[in-house]
PDB file of N, CA and C in Angstrom:
ATOM      1  N   UNK A   1    -119.472-131.169 -38.307  1.00  0.00           N
ATOM      2  CA  UNK A   1    -118.074-130.653 -38.823  1.00  0.00           C
ATOM      3  C   UNK A   1    -118.018-129.120 -38.914  1.00  0.00           C
ATOM      4  N   UNK A   2    -116.845-128.510 -38.469  1.00  0.00           N
ATOM      5  CA  UNK A   2    -116.822-127.222 -38.707  1.00  0.00           C
ATOM      6  C   UNK A   2    -116.337-127.059 -40.066  1.00  0.00           C
ATOM      7  N   UNK A   3    -116.769-125.960 -40.741  1.00  0.00           N
ATOM      8  CA  UNK A   3    -116.346-125.622 -42.232  1.00  0.00           C
ATOM      9  C   UNK A   3    -114.962-124.808 -42.053  1.00  0.00           C
ATOM     10  N   UNK A   4    -114.200-125.075 -42.935  1.00  0.00           N
ATOM     11  CA  UNK A   4    -112.760-124.807 -42.976  1.00  0.00           C
ATOM     12  C   UNK A   4    -112.815-123.399 -43.845  1.00  0.00           C
ATOM     13  N   UNK A   5    -111.742-122.479 -43.645  1.00  0.00           N
ATOM     14  CA  UNK A   5    -111.938-121.007 -44.361  1.00  0.00           C
ATOM     15  C   UNK A   5    -111.829-121.305 -45.820  1.00  0.00           C
ATOM     16  N   UNK A   6    -111.381-122.410 -46.294  1.00  0.00           N
ATOM     17  CA  UNK A   6    -111.327-122.518 -47.713  1.00  0.00           C
ATOM     18  C   UNK A   6    -112.491-123.100 -48.483  1.00  0.00           C
ATOM     19  N   UNK A   7    -113.464-123.446 -47.630  1.00  0.00           N
ATOM     20  CA  UNK A   7    -114.809-123.778 -48.167  1.00  0.00           C
ATOM     21  C   UNK A   7    -115.439-122.488 -49.122  1.00  0.00           C
ATOM     22  N   UNK A   8    -116.063-122.940 -50.195  1.00  0.00           N
ATOM     23  CA  UNK A   8    -116.418-121.915 -51.076  1.00  0.00           C
ATOM     24  C   UNK A   8    -117.527-121.108 -50.583  1.00  0.00           C
ATOM     25  N   UNK A   9    -118.360-121.640 -49.643  1.00  0.00           N
ATOM     26  CA  UNK A   9    -119.695-120.969 -49.092  1.00  0.00           C
ATOM     27  C   UNK A   9    -119.236-120.575 -47.667  1.00  0.00           C
ATOM     28  N   UNK A  10    -118.567-119.565 -47.395  1.00  0.00           N
ATOM     29  CA  UNK A  10    -118.520-118.985 -46.023  1.00  0.00           C
ATOM     30  C   UNK A  10    -119.321-117.952 -45.576  1.00  0.00           C
ATOM     31  N   UNK A  11    -120.438-117.738 -46.401  1.00  0.00           N
ATOM     32  CA  UNK A  11    -121.286-116.617 -46.093  1.00  0.00           C
ATOM     33  C   UNK A  11    -122.630-117.154 -45.305  1.00  0.00           C
ATOM     34  N   UNK A  12    -123.126-116.104 -44.760  1.00  0.00           N
ATOM     35  CA  UNK A  12    -124.360-116.491 -43.874  1.00  0.00           C
ATOM     36  C   UNK A  12    -125.637-116.857 -44.699  1.00  0.00           C
ATOM     37  N   UNK A  13    -125.590-116.379 -46.050  1.00  0.00           N
ATOM     38  CA  UNK A  13    -126.742-116.688 -46.665  1.00  0.00           C
ATOM     39  C   UNK A  13    -126.277-117.493 -48.002  1.00  0.00           C
ATOM     40  N   UNK A  14    -127.171-118.466 -48.431  1.00  0.00           N
ATOM     41  CA  UNK A  14    -126.372-119.413 -49.547  1.00  0.00           C
ATOM     42  C   UNK A  14    -126.579-118.474 -50.892  1.00  0.00           C
ATOM     43  N   UNK A  15    -125.497-118.667 -51.573  1.00  0.00           N
ATOM     44  CA  UNK A  15    -125.455-117.877 -52.860  1.00  0.00           C
ATOM     45  C   UNK A  15    -125.445-118.857 -54.089  1.00  0.00           C
ATOM     46  N   UNK A  16    -126.338-118.575 -55.074  1.00  0.00           N
ATOM     47  CA  UNK A  16    -126.414-119.264 -56.062  1.00  0.00           C
ATOM     48  C   UNK A  16    -125.617-118.846 -57.243  1.00  0.00           C
ATOM     49  N   UNK A  17    -124.669-119.596 -57.699  1.00  0.00           N
ATOM     50  CA  UNK A  17    -123.715-119.083 -58.867  1.00  0.00           C
ATOM     51  C   UNK A  17    -124.256-119.853 -60.126  1.00  0.00           C
ATOM     52  N   UNK A  18    -124.714-119.015 -60.988  1.00  0.00           N
ATOM     53  CA  UNK A  18    -125.372-119.549 -62.235  1.00  0.00           C
ATOM     54  C   UNK A  18    -124.409-120.148 -63.307  1.00  0.00           C
ATOM     55  N   UNK A  19    -124.879-121.195 -63.776  1.00  0.00           N
ATOM     56  CA  UNK A  19    -124.085-121.768 -65.049  1.00  0.00           C
ATOM     57  C   UNK A  19    -124.489-120.606 -66.260  1.00  0.00           C
ATOM     58  N   UNK A  20    -123.455-120.603 -67.190  1.00  0.00           N
ATOM     59  CA  UNK A  20    -123.630-119.553 -68.101  1.00  0.00           C
ATOM     60  C   UNK A  20    -125.034-119.566 -68.881  1.00  0.00           C
ATOM     61  N   UNK A  21    -125.561-120.740 -69.160  1.00  0.00           N
ATOM     62  CA  UNK A  21    -126.740-120.695 -69.945  1.00  0.00           C
ATOM     63  C   UNK A  21    -128.070-120.558 -69.135  1.00  0.00           C
ATOM     64  N   UNK A  22    -127.894-120.642 -67.864  1.00  0.00           N
ATOM     65  CA  UNK A  22    -128.989-120.328 -67.104  1.00  0.00           C
ATOM     66  C   UNK A  22    -129.099-119.076 -66.300  1.00  0.00           C
ATOM     67  N   UNK A  23    -128.366-118.229 -66.654  1.00  0.00           N
ATOM     68  CA  UNK A  23    -128.215-116.795 -65.964  1.00  0.00           C
ATOM     69  C   UNK A  23    -129.504-116.064 -66.194  1.00  0.00           C
ATOM     70  N   UNK A  24    -130.064-115.622 -65.031  1.00  0.00           N
ATOM     71  CA  UNK A  24    -131.245-114.593 -65.077  1.00  0.00           C
ATOM     72  C   UNK A  24    -130.562-113.548 -65.758  1.00  0.00           C
ATOM     73  N   UNK A  25    -131.675-112.456 -66.011  1.00  0.00           N
ATOM     74  CA  UNK A  25    -131.435-110.958 -66.586  1.00  0.00           C
ATOM     75  C   UNK A  25    -131.645-110.197 -65.534  1.00  0.00           C
ATOM     76  N   UNK A  26    -130.943-109.014 -65.226  1.00  0.00           N
ATOM     77  CA  UNK A  26    -131.434-107.849 -64.497  1.00  0.00           C
ATOM     78  C   UNK A  26    -131.661-106.722 -65.558  1.00  0.00           C
ATOM     79  N   UNK A  27    -133.031-106.291 -65.335  1.00  0.00           N
ATOM     80  CA  UNK A  27    -133.287-105.138 -66.234  1.00  0.00           C
ATOM     81  C   UNK A  27    -133.209-103.815 -65.368  1.00  0.00           C
ATOM     82  N   UNK A  28    -132.378-102.977 -65.958  1.00  0.00           N
ATOM     83  CA  UNK A  28    -132.227-101.626 -65.486  1.00  0.00           C
ATOM     84  C   UNK A  28    -132.603-100.404 -66.403  1.00  0.00           C
ATOM     85  N   UNK A  29    -133.735-100.038 -66.494  1.00  0.00           N
ATOM     86  CA  UNK A  29    -134.147 -99.278 -67.478  1.00  0.00           C
ATOM     87  C   UNK A  29    -134.434 -99.995 -68.657  1.00  0.00           C
ATOM     88  N   UNK A  30    -133.800 -99.450 -69.780  1.00  0.00           N
ATOM     89  CA  UNK A  30    -133.839-100.156 -71.032  1.00  0.00           C
ATOM     90  C   UNK A  30    -132.968-101.086 -71.166  1.00  0.00           C
ATOM     91  N   UNK A  31    -131.738-101.193 -70.328  1.00  0.00           N
ATOM     92  CA  UNK A  31    -130.712-102.082 -70.404  1.00  0.00           C
ATOM     93  C   UNK A  31    -131.078-103.466 -69.592  1.00  0.00           C
ATOM     94  N   UNK A  32    -130.421-104.543 -70.171  1.00  0.00           N
ATOM     95  CA  UNK A  32    -130.642-105.889 -69.565  1.00  0.00           C
ATOM     96  C   UNK A  32    -129.186-106.557 -69.507  1.00  0.00           C
ATOM     97  N   UNK A  33    -128.967-107.069 -68.225  1.00  0.00           N
ATOM     98  CA  UNK A  33    -127.756-107.715 -68.143  1.00  0.00           C
ATOM     99  C   UNK A  33    -127.644-109.111 -67.365  1.00  0.00           C
ATOM    100  N   UNK A  34    -126.709-109.847 -67.592  1.00  0.00           N
ATOM    101  CA  UNK A  34    -126.755-111.224 -67.040  1.00  0.00           C
ATOM    102  C   UNK A  34    -126.231-111.191 -65.782  1.00  0.00           C
ATOM    103  N   UNK A  35    -126.983-112.037 -64.876  1.00  0.00           N
ATOM    104  CA  UNK A  35    -126.640-112.184 -63.295  1.00  0.00           C
ATOM    105  C   UNK A  35    -125.617-113.393 -63.216  1.00  0.00           C
ATOM    106  N   UNK A  36    -124.645-113.079 -62.508  1.00  0.00           N
ATOM    107  CA  UNK A  36    -123.568-114.006 -62.303  1.00  0.00           C
ATOM    108  C   UNK A  36    -124.007-114.908 -61.065  1.00  0.00           C
ATOM    109  N   UNK A  37    -124.339-114.173 -60.048  1.00  0.00           N
ATOM    110  CA  UNK A  37    -124.754-114.989 -58.884  1.00  0.00           C
ATOM    111  C   UNK A  37    -125.684-114.086 -58.002  1.00  0.00           C
ATOM    112  N   UNK A  38    -126.503-114.637 -57.070  1.00  0.00           N
ATOM    113  CA  UNK A  38    -127.230-113.976 -56.180  1.00  0.00           C
ATOM    114  C   UNK A  38    -127.497-114.654 -54.951  1.00  0.00           C
ATOM    115  N   UNK A  39    -127.809-113.936 -53.974  1.00  0.00           N
ATOM    116  CA  UNK A  39    -128.471-114.397 -52.743  1.00  0.00           C
ATOM    117  C   UNK A  39    -129.595-113.647 -52.174  1.00  0.00           C
ATOM    118  N   UNK A  40    -130.136-113.867 -50.979  1.00  0.00           N
ATOM    119  CA  UNK A  40    -131.210-113.157 -50.605  1.00  0.00           C
ATOM    120  C   UNK A  40    -130.928-111.613 -50.633  1.00  0.00           C
ATOM    121  N   UNK A  41    -129.764-111.346 -50.025  1.00  0.00           N
ATOM    122  CA  UNK A  41    -129.393-109.971 -49.689  1.00  0.00           C
ATOM    123  C   UNK A  41    -128.504-109.386 -50.840  1.00  0.00           C
ATOM    124  N   UNK A  42    -128.146-109.940 -51.979  1.00  0.00           N
ATOM    125  CA  UNK A  42    -127.244-109.425 -52.840  1.00  0.00           C
ATOM    126  C   UNK A  42    -127.319-110.066 -54.228  1.00  0.00           C
ATOM    127  N   UNK A  43    -126.755-109.245 -55.373  1.00  0.00           N
ATOM    128  CA  UNK A  43    -126.781-109.776 -56.681  1.00  0.00           C
ATOM    129  C   UNK A  43    -125.623-109.141 -57.335  1.00  0.00           C
ATOM    130  N   UNK A  44    -124.895-110.110 -58.129  1.00  0.00           N
ATOM    131  CA  UNK A  44    -123.882-109.797 -59.082  1.00  0.00           C
ATOM    132  C   UNK A  44    -124.052-109.872 -60.254  1.00  0.00           C
ATOM    133  N   UNK A  45    -123.831-108.728 -61.157  1.00  0.00           N
ATOM    134  CA  UNK A  45    -124.042-108.902 -62.679  1.00  0.00           C
ATOM    135  C   UNK A  45    -123.108-108.209 -63.482  1.00  0.00           C
ATOM    136  N   UNK A  46    -123.121-108.703 -64.721  1.00  0.00           N
ATOM    137  CA  UNK A  46    -121.973-108.234 -65.704  1.00  0.00           C
ATOM    138  C   UNK A  46    -122.661-107.031 -66.416  1.00  0.00           C
ATOM    139  N   UNK A  47    -121.863-106.018 -66.992  1.00  0.00           N
ATOM    140  CA  UNK A  47    -122.375-104.869 -67.400  1.00  0.00           C
ATOM    141  C   UNK A  47    -121.417-104.499 -68.440  1.00  0.00           C
ATOM    142  N   UNK A  48    -121.722-103.452 -69.252  1.00  0.00           N
ATOM    143  CA  UNK A  48    -120.815-102.535 -69.960  1.00  0.00           C
ATOM    144  C   UNK A  48    -120.229-101.597 -69.232  1.00  0.00           C
ATOM    145  N   UNK A  49    -118.811-101.570 -69.306  1.00  0.00           N
ATOM    146  CA  UNK A  49    -118.066-100.526 -68.482  1.00  0.00           C
ATOM    147  C   UNK A  49    -118.457 -99.231 -68.643  1.00  0.00           C
ATOM    148  N   UNK A  50    -119.295 -98.750 -69.628  1.00  0.00           N
ATOM    149  CA  UNK A  50    -119.743 -97.556 -69.991  1.00  0.00           C
ATOM    150  C   UNK A  50    -120.763 -97.046 -69.122  1.00  0.00           C
ATOM    151  N   UNK A  51    -121.512 -97.953 -68.497  1.00  0.00           N
ATOM    152  CA  UNK A  51    -122.584 -97.463 -67.567  1.00  0.00           C
ATOM    153  C   UNK A  51    -122.102 -96.689 -66.341  1.00  0.00           C
ATOM    154  N   UNK A  52    -121.109 -96.739 -65.862  1.00  0.00           N
ATOM    155  CA  UNK A  52    -120.565 -95.941 -64.696  1.00  0.00           C
ATOM    156  C   UNK A  52    -121.235 -96.015 -63.477  1.00  0.00           C
ATOM    157  N   UNK A  53    -121.415 -97.208 -62.948  1.00  0.00           N
ATOM    158  CA  UNK A  53    -122.204 -97.243 -61.629  1.00  0.00           C
ATOM    159  C   UNK A  53    -121.098 -96.719 -60.556  1.00  0.00           C
ATOM    160  N   UNK A  54    -121.726 -95.987 -59.440  1.00  0.00           N
ATOM    161  CA  UNK A  54    -120.895 -95.406 -58.491  1.00  0.00           C
ATOM    162  C   UNK A  54    -121.285 -96.128 -57.016  1.00  0.00           C
ATOM    163  N   UNK A  55    -120.139 -96.285 -56.315  1.00  0.00           N
ATOM    164  CA  UNK A  55    -120.387 -96.819 -54.948  1.00  0.00           C
ATOM    165  C   UNK A  55    -121.430 -96.000 -54.235  1.00  0.00           C
ATOM    166  N   UNK A  56    -122.307 -96.732 -53.583  1.00  0.00           N
ATOM    167  CA  UNK A  56    -123.467 -96.145 -52.794  1.00  0.00           C
ATOM    168  C   UNK A  56    -124.651 -95.785 -53.669  1.00  0.00           C
ATOM    169  N   UNK A  57    -124.596 -95.802 -55.005  1.00  0.00           N
ATOM    170  CA  UNK A  57    -125.487 -95.447 -55.958  1.00  0.00           C
ATOM    171  C   UNK A  57    -126.807 -96.316 -55.605  1.00  0.00           C
ATOM    172  N   UNK A  58    -128.074 -95.745 -55.399  1.00  0.00           N
ATOM    173  CA  UNK A  58    -129.212 -96.525 -55.306  1.00  0.00           C
ATOM    174  C   UNK A  58    -129.660 -97.010 -56.711  1.00  0.00           C
ATOM    175  N   UNK A  59    -130.112 -98.274 -56.594  1.00  0.00           N
ATOM    176  CA  UNK A  59    -130.650 -98.826 -57.991  1.00  0.00           C
ATOM    177  C   UNK A  59    -131.966 -99.555 -57.797  1.00  0.00           C
ATOM    178  N   UNK A  60    -132.770 -99.310 -58.709  1.00  0.00           N
ATOM    179  CA  UNK A  60    -134.142-100.205 -58.733  1.00  0.00           C
ATOM    180  C   UNK A  60    -134.182-100.989 -60.160  1.00  0.00           C
ATOM    181  N   UNK A  61    -134.466-102.070 -59.929  1.00  0.00           N
ATOM    182  CA  UNK A  61    -134.421-102.990 -61.212  1.00  0.00           C
ATOM    183  C   UNK A  61    -135.353-104.124 -60.975  1.00  0.00           C
ATOM    184  N   UNK A  62    -135.380-104.930 -62.133  1.00  0.00           N
ATOM    185  CA  UNK A  62    -136.274-106.220 -62.132  1.00  0.00           C
ATOM    186  C   UNK A  62    -135.388-107.455 -62.598  1.00  0.00           C
ATOM    187  N   UNK A  63    -135.298-108.553 -61.831  1.00  0.00           N
ATOM    188  CA  UNK A  63    -134.705-109.715 -62.225  1.00  0.00           C
ATOM    189  C   UNK A  63    -135.703-110.662 -62.904  1.00  0.00           C
ATOM    190  N   UNK A  64    -135.381-110.962 -64.122  1.00  0.00           N
ATOM    191  CA  UNK A  64    -136.207-112.035 -64.835  1.00  0.00           C
ATOM    192  C   UNK A  64    -135.440-113.298 -64.757  1.00  0.00           C
ATOM    193  N   UNK A  65    -136.209-114.407 -64.214  1.00  0.00           N
ATOM    194  CA  UNK A  65    -135.609-115.745 -64.146  1.00  0.00           C
ATOM    195  C   UNK A  65    -135.951-116.591 -65.379  1.00  0.00           C
ATOM    196  N   UNK A  66    -135.031-117.693 -65.448  1.00  0.00           N
ATOM    197  CA  UNK A  66    -135.506-118.603 -66.545  1.00  0.00           C
ATOM    198  C   UNK A  66    -136.888-119.156 -66.522  1.00  0.00           C
ATOM    199  N   UNK A  67    -137.551-119.401 -65.417  1.00  0.00           N
ATOM    200  CA  UNK A  67    -138.833-119.969 -65.376  1.00  0.00           C
ATOM    201  C   UNK A  67    -139.918-118.936 -65.569  1.00  0.00           C
ATOM    202  N   UNK A  68    -139.483-117.920 -66.114  1.00  0.00           N
ATOM    203  CA  UNK A  68    -140.510-116.777 -66.504  1.00  0.00           C
ATOM    204  C   UNK A  68    -140.962-115.854 -65.306  1.00  0.00           C
ATOM    205  N   UNK A  69    -140.497-116.174 -64.156  1.00  0.00           N
ATOM    206  CA  UNK A  69    -140.780-115.326 -62.846  1.00  0.00           C
ATOM    207  C   UNK A  69    -139.770-114.007 -62.959  1.00  0.00           C
ATOM    208  N   UNK A  70    -140.386-113.125 -62.049  1.00  0.00           N
ATOM    209  CA  UNK A  70    -139.656-111.845 -62.042  1.00  0.00           C
ATOM    210  C   UNK A  70    -139.730-111.342 -60.647  1.00  0.00           C
ATOM    211  N   UNK A  71    -138.723-110.695 -60.074  1.00  0.00           N
ATOM    212  CA  UNK A  71    -138.621-110.085 -58.900  1.00  0.00           C
ATOM    213  C   UNK A  71    -138.204-108.539 -58.945  1.00  0.00           C
ATOM    214  N   UNK A  72    -138.978-107.730 -58.240  1.00  0.00           N
ATOM    215  CA  UNK A  72    -138.598-106.330 -58.380  1.00  0.00           C
ATOM    216  C   UNK A  72    -137.316-106.239 -57.143  1.00  0.00           C
ATOM    217  N   UNK A  73    -136.301-105.510 -57.404  1.00  0.00           N
ATOM    218  CA  UNK A  73    -135.283-105.299 -56.429  1.00  0.00           C
ATOM    219  C   UNK A  73    -134.885-103.783 -56.273  1.00  0.00           C
ATOM    220  N   UNK A  74    -134.479-103.636 -55.159  1.00  0.00           N
ATOM    221  CA  UNK A  74    -133.947-102.180 -54.639  1.00  0.00           C
ATOM    222  C   UNK A  74    -132.786-102.398 -53.768  1.00  0.00           C
ATOM    223  N   UNK A  75    -131.721-101.862 -54.349  1.00  0.00           N
ATOM    224  CA  UNK A  75    -130.333-101.943 -53.707  1.00  0.00           C
ATOM    225  C   UNK A  75    -129.307-100.851 -53.772  1.00  0.00           C
ATOM    226  N   UNK A  76    -128.230-100.844 -53.217  1.00  0.00           N
ATOM    227  CA  UNK A  76    -127.328 -99.806 -53.505  1.00  0.00           C
ATOM    228  C   UNK A  76    -125.985-100.616 -53.918  1.00  0.00           C
ATOM    229  N   UNK A  77    -125.236 -99.811 -54.914  1.00  0.00           N
ATOM    230  CA  UNK A  77    -124.141-100.566 -55.234  1.00  0.00           C
ATOM    231  C   UNK A  77    -123.067-100.621 -54.101  1.00  0.00           C
ATOM    232  N   UNK A  78    -122.496-101.833 -54.008  1.00  0.00           N
ATOM    233  CA  UNK A  78    -121.569-102.117 -52.937  1.00  0.00           C
ATOM    234  C   UNK A  78    -120.095-102.212 -53.654  1.00  0.00           C
ATOM    235  N   UNK A  79    -120.132-102.573 -54.680  1.00  0.00           N
ATOM    236  CA  UNK A  79    -118.679-102.847 -55.441  1.00  0.00           C
ATOM    237  C   UNK A  79    -118.936-102.837 -57.026  1.00  0.00           C
ATOM    238  N   UNK A  80    -117.888-102.248 -57.639  1.00  0.00           N
ATOM    239  CA  UNK A  80    -117.785-102.113 -59.027  1.00  0.00           C
ATOM    240  C   UNK A  80    -116.429-102.554 -59.316  1.00  0.00           C
ATOM    241  N   UNK A  81    -116.194-103.554 -60.248  1.00  0.00           N
ATOM    242  CA  UNK A  81    -114.981-104.053 -60.502  1.00  0.00           C
ATOM    243  C   UNK A  81    -114.785-104.488 -61.950  1.00  0.00           C
ATOM    244  N   UNK A  82    -114.016-103.842 -62.936  1.00  0.00           N
ATOM    245  CA  UNK A  82    -114.288-104.219 -64.204  1.00  0.00           C
ATOM    246  C   UNK A  82    -115.529-104.154 -64.786  1.00  0.00           C
ATOM    247  N   UNK A  83    -116.103-105.300 -65.359  1.00  0.00           N
ATOM    248  CA  UNK A  83    -117.404-105.222 -66.045  1.00  0.00           C
ATOM    249  C   UNK A  83    -118.383-105.869 -65.142  1.00  0.00           C
ATOM    250  N   UNK A  84    -118.262-105.934 -63.840  1.00  0.00           N
ATOM    251  CA  UNK A  84    -119.090-106.574 -62.794  1.00  0.00           C
ATOM    252  C   UNK A  84    -119.494-105.430 -61.741  1.00  0.00           C
ATOM    253  N   UNK A  85    -120.823-105.555 -61.463  1.00  0.00           N
ATOM    254  CA  UNK A  85    -121.451-104.768 -60.282  1.00  0.00           C
ATOM    255  C   UNK A  85    -122.082-105.755 -59.324  1.00  0.00           C
ATOM    256  N   UNK A  86    -121.934-105.066 -58.090  1.00  0.00           N
ATOM    257  CA  UNK A  86    -122.335-106.096 -56.845  1.00  0.00           C
ATOM    258  C   UNK A  86    -123.494-105.064 -56.134  1.00  0.00           C
ATOM    259  N   UNK A  87    -124.667-105.447 -56.097  1.00  0.00           N
ATOM    260  CA  UNK A  87    -125.694-104.622 -55.290  1.00  0.00           C
ATOM    261  C   UNK A  87    -125.921-105.398 -53.995  1.00  0.00           C
ATOM    262  N   UNK A  88    -126.236-104.587 -53.127  1.00  0.00           N
ATOM    263  CA  UNK A  88    -126.679-104.907 -51.669  1.00  0.00           C
ATOM    264  C   UNK A  88    -128.060-104.545 -51.689  1.00  0.00           C
ATOM    265  N   UNK A  89    -128.829-105.425 -51.331  1.00  0.00           N
ATOM    266  CA  UNK A  89    -130.448-105.176 -51.528  1.00  0.00           C
ATOM    267  C   UNK A  89    -131.119-104.942 -50.182  1.00  0.00           C
ATOM    268  N   UNK A  90    -131.673-103.766 -50.218  1.00  0.00           N
ATOM    269  CA  UNK A  90    -132.406-103.112 -49.167  1.00  0.00           C
ATOM    270  C   UNK A  90    -133.552-104.156 -48.676  1.00  0.00           C
ATOM    271  N   UNK A  91    -134.331-104.578 -49.534  1.00  0.00           N
ATOM    272  CA  UNK A  91    -135.302-105.654 -49.260  1.00  0.00           C
ATOM    273  C   UNK A  91    -134.742-106.993 -49.937  1.00  0.00           C
ATOM    274  N   UNK A  92    -134.705-107.839 -48.991  1.00  0.00           N
ATOM    275  CA  UNK A  92    -134.097-109.423 -49.628  1.00  0.00           C
ATOM    276  C   UNK A  92    -134.885-110.105 -50.685  1.00  0.00           C
ATOM    277  N   UNK A  93    -134.251-110.865 -51.432  1.00  0.00           N
ATOM    278  CA  UNK A  93    -135.257-111.907 -52.315  1.00  0.00           C
ATOM    279  C   UNK A  93    -135.743-112.759 -51.309  1.00  0.00           C
ATOM    280  N   UNK A  94    -136.920-113.188 -51.401  1.00  0.00           N
ATOM    281  CA  UNK A  94    -137.497-114.301 -50.448  1.00  0.00           C
ATOM    282  C   UNK A  94    -136.609-115.496 -50.456  1.00  0.00           C
ATOM    283  N   UNK A  95    -136.365-116.153 -49.368  1.00  0.00           N
ATOM    284  CA  UNK A  95    -135.567-117.526 -49.171  1.00  0.00           C
ATOM    285  C   UNK A  95    -136.190-118.411 -49.971  1.00  0.00           C
ATOM    286  N   UNK A  96    -137.748-118.447 -50.221  1.00  0.00           N
ATOM    287  CA  UNK A  96    -138.505-119.348 -51.052  1.00  0.00           C
ATOM    288  C   UNK A  96    -138.103-119.136 -52.546  1.00  0.00           C
ATOM    289  N   UNK A  97    -137.830-118.067 -53.034  1.00  0.00           N
ATOM    290  CA  UNK A  97    -137.403-117.836 -54.402  1.00  0.00           C
ATOM    291  C   UNK A  97    -136.000-118.368 -54.600  1.00  0.00           C
ATOM    292  N   UNK A  98    -135.070-118.109 -53.575  1.00  0.00           N
ATOM    293  CA  UNK A  98    -133.849-118.559 -53.829  1.00  0.00           C
ATOM    294  C   UNK A  98    -133.754-120.153 -53.979  1.00  0.00           C
ATOM    295  N   UNK A  99    -134.681-120.725 -52.850  1.00  0.00           N
ATOM    296  CA  UNK A  99    -134.816-122.303 -53.027  1.00  0.00           C
ATOM    297  C   UNK A  99    -135.282-122.727 -54.215  1.00  0.00           C
ATOM    298  N   UNK A 100    -136.350-122.007 -54.754  1.00  0.00           N
ATOM    299  CA  UNK A 100    -136.870-122.420 -56.180  1.00  0.00           C
ATOM    300  C   UNK A 100    -135.927-122.343 -57.150  1.00  0.00           C
ATOM    301  N   UNK A 101    -135.086-121.230 -57.320  1.00  0.00           N
ATOM    302  CA  UNK A 101    -134.013-121.256 -58.222  1.00  0.00           C
ATOM    303  C   UNK A 101    -133.109-122.451 -58.162  1.00  0.00           C
ATOM    304  N   UNK A 102    -132.799-122.680 -56.921  1.00  0.00           N
ATOM    305  CA  UNK A 102    -131.824-123.789 -56.784  1.00  0.00           C
ATOM    306  C   UNK A 102    -132.485-125.161 -57.279  1.00  0.00           C
ATOM    307  N   UNK A 103    -133.564-125.178 -56.881  1.00  0.00           N
ATOM    308  CA  UNK A 103    -134.365-126.566 -57.502  1.00  0.00           C
ATOM    309  C   UNK A 103    -134.455-126.507 -58.934  1.00  0.00           C
ATOM    310  N   UNK A 104    -134.552-125.386 -59.569  1.00  0.00           N
ATOM    311  CA  UNK A 104    -134.660-125.231 -61.164  1.00  0.00           C
ATOM    312  C   UNK A 104    -133.416-125.759 -61.810  1.00  0.00           C
ATOM    313  N   UNK A 105    -132.255-125.065 -61.075  1.00  0.00           N
ATOM    314  CA  UNK A 105    -130.965-125.351 -61.673  1.00  0.00           C
ATOM    315  C   UNK A 105    -130.755-126.977 -61.610  1.00  0.00           C
ATOM    316  N   UNK A 106    -130.802-127.554 -60.451  1.00  0.00           N
ATOM    317  CA  UNK A 106    -130.839-128.929 -60.102  1.00  0.00           C
ATOM    318  C   UNK A 106    -131.407-129.731 -61.029  1.00  0.00           C
ATOM    319  N   UNK A 107    -132.807-129.415 -61.468  1.00  0.00           N
ATOM    320  CA  UNK A 107    -133.555-130.193 -62.377  1.00  0.00           C
ATOM    321  C   UNK A 107    -132.984-130.081 -63.689  1.00  0.00           C
ATOM    322  N   UNK A 108    -132.942-128.678 -64.287  1.00  0.00           N
ATOM    323  CA  UNK A 108    -132.556-128.535 -65.712  1.00  0.00           C
ATOM    324  C   UNK A 108    -130.919-128.524 -66.130  1.00  0.00           C
ATOM    325  N   UNK A 109    -130.246-128.512 -65.012  1.00  0.00           N
ATOM    326  CA  UNK A 109    -128.676-128.677 -65.238  1.00  0.00           C
ATOM    327  C   UNK A 109    -128.061-129.745 -64.558  1.00  0.00           C
ATOM    328  N   UNK A 110    -128.042-131.039 -65.018  1.00  0.00           N
ATOM    329  CA  UNK A 110    -127.621-132.044 -64.231  1.00  0.00           C
ATOM    330  C   UNK A 110    -126.000-131.781 -64.030  1.00  0.00           C
ATOM    331  N   UNK A 111    -125.749-132.109 -62.839  1.00  0.00           N
ATOM    332  CA  UNK A 111    -124.197-132.032 -62.305  1.00  0.00           C
ATOM    333  C   UNK A 111    -124.150-130.662 -61.814  1.00  0.00           C
ATOM    334  N   UNK A 112    -125.132-129.856 -61.752  1.00  0.00           N
ATOM    335  CA  UNK A 112    -125.178-128.425 -60.991  1.00  0.00           C
ATOM    336  C   UNK A 112    -124.983-128.740 -59.647  1.00  0.00           C
ATOM    337  N   UNK A 113    -124.026-128.027 -59.018  1.00  0.00           N
ATOM    338  CA  UNK A 113    -123.991-128.054 -57.517  1.00  0.00           C
ATOM    339  C   UNK A 113    -123.747-126.610 -56.985  1.00  0.00           C
TER     340      UNK A 113
END
C-alpha cells in the first residue's frame, strides 16, 4: 500500500520521537540539552535561546542515551527555530543504534510507537 502524504513518517530514514521521560541528552561543551528526536542523519534538540546557533555552523557533540551508551556526532546547523535546533549529521548514527533505541523505548515505555 502506498503511503499517503498525511502519514507522519514521510522521510527516507526512520525518525525516533522521544517521550519526555526518555529523552537522550546532547552534550555541547559544558552544556547539555534534551533531544526531541533523531534519525541516522539528523537530530533535533531543545536549547536555551541564548546560545545563538547560526545556520551552517559546524557542531561537535556527544549524545548520551538512557541505556548508558553514547555517540560522538558532528554536523551542521540546518535549522534554528525558537528554542529548538536541528543538526544535519555529516557522519550518520549507525542504523543498529537507531534500532537499539527503538527497542529500548518499546520495552521501557509501553504504548510507545
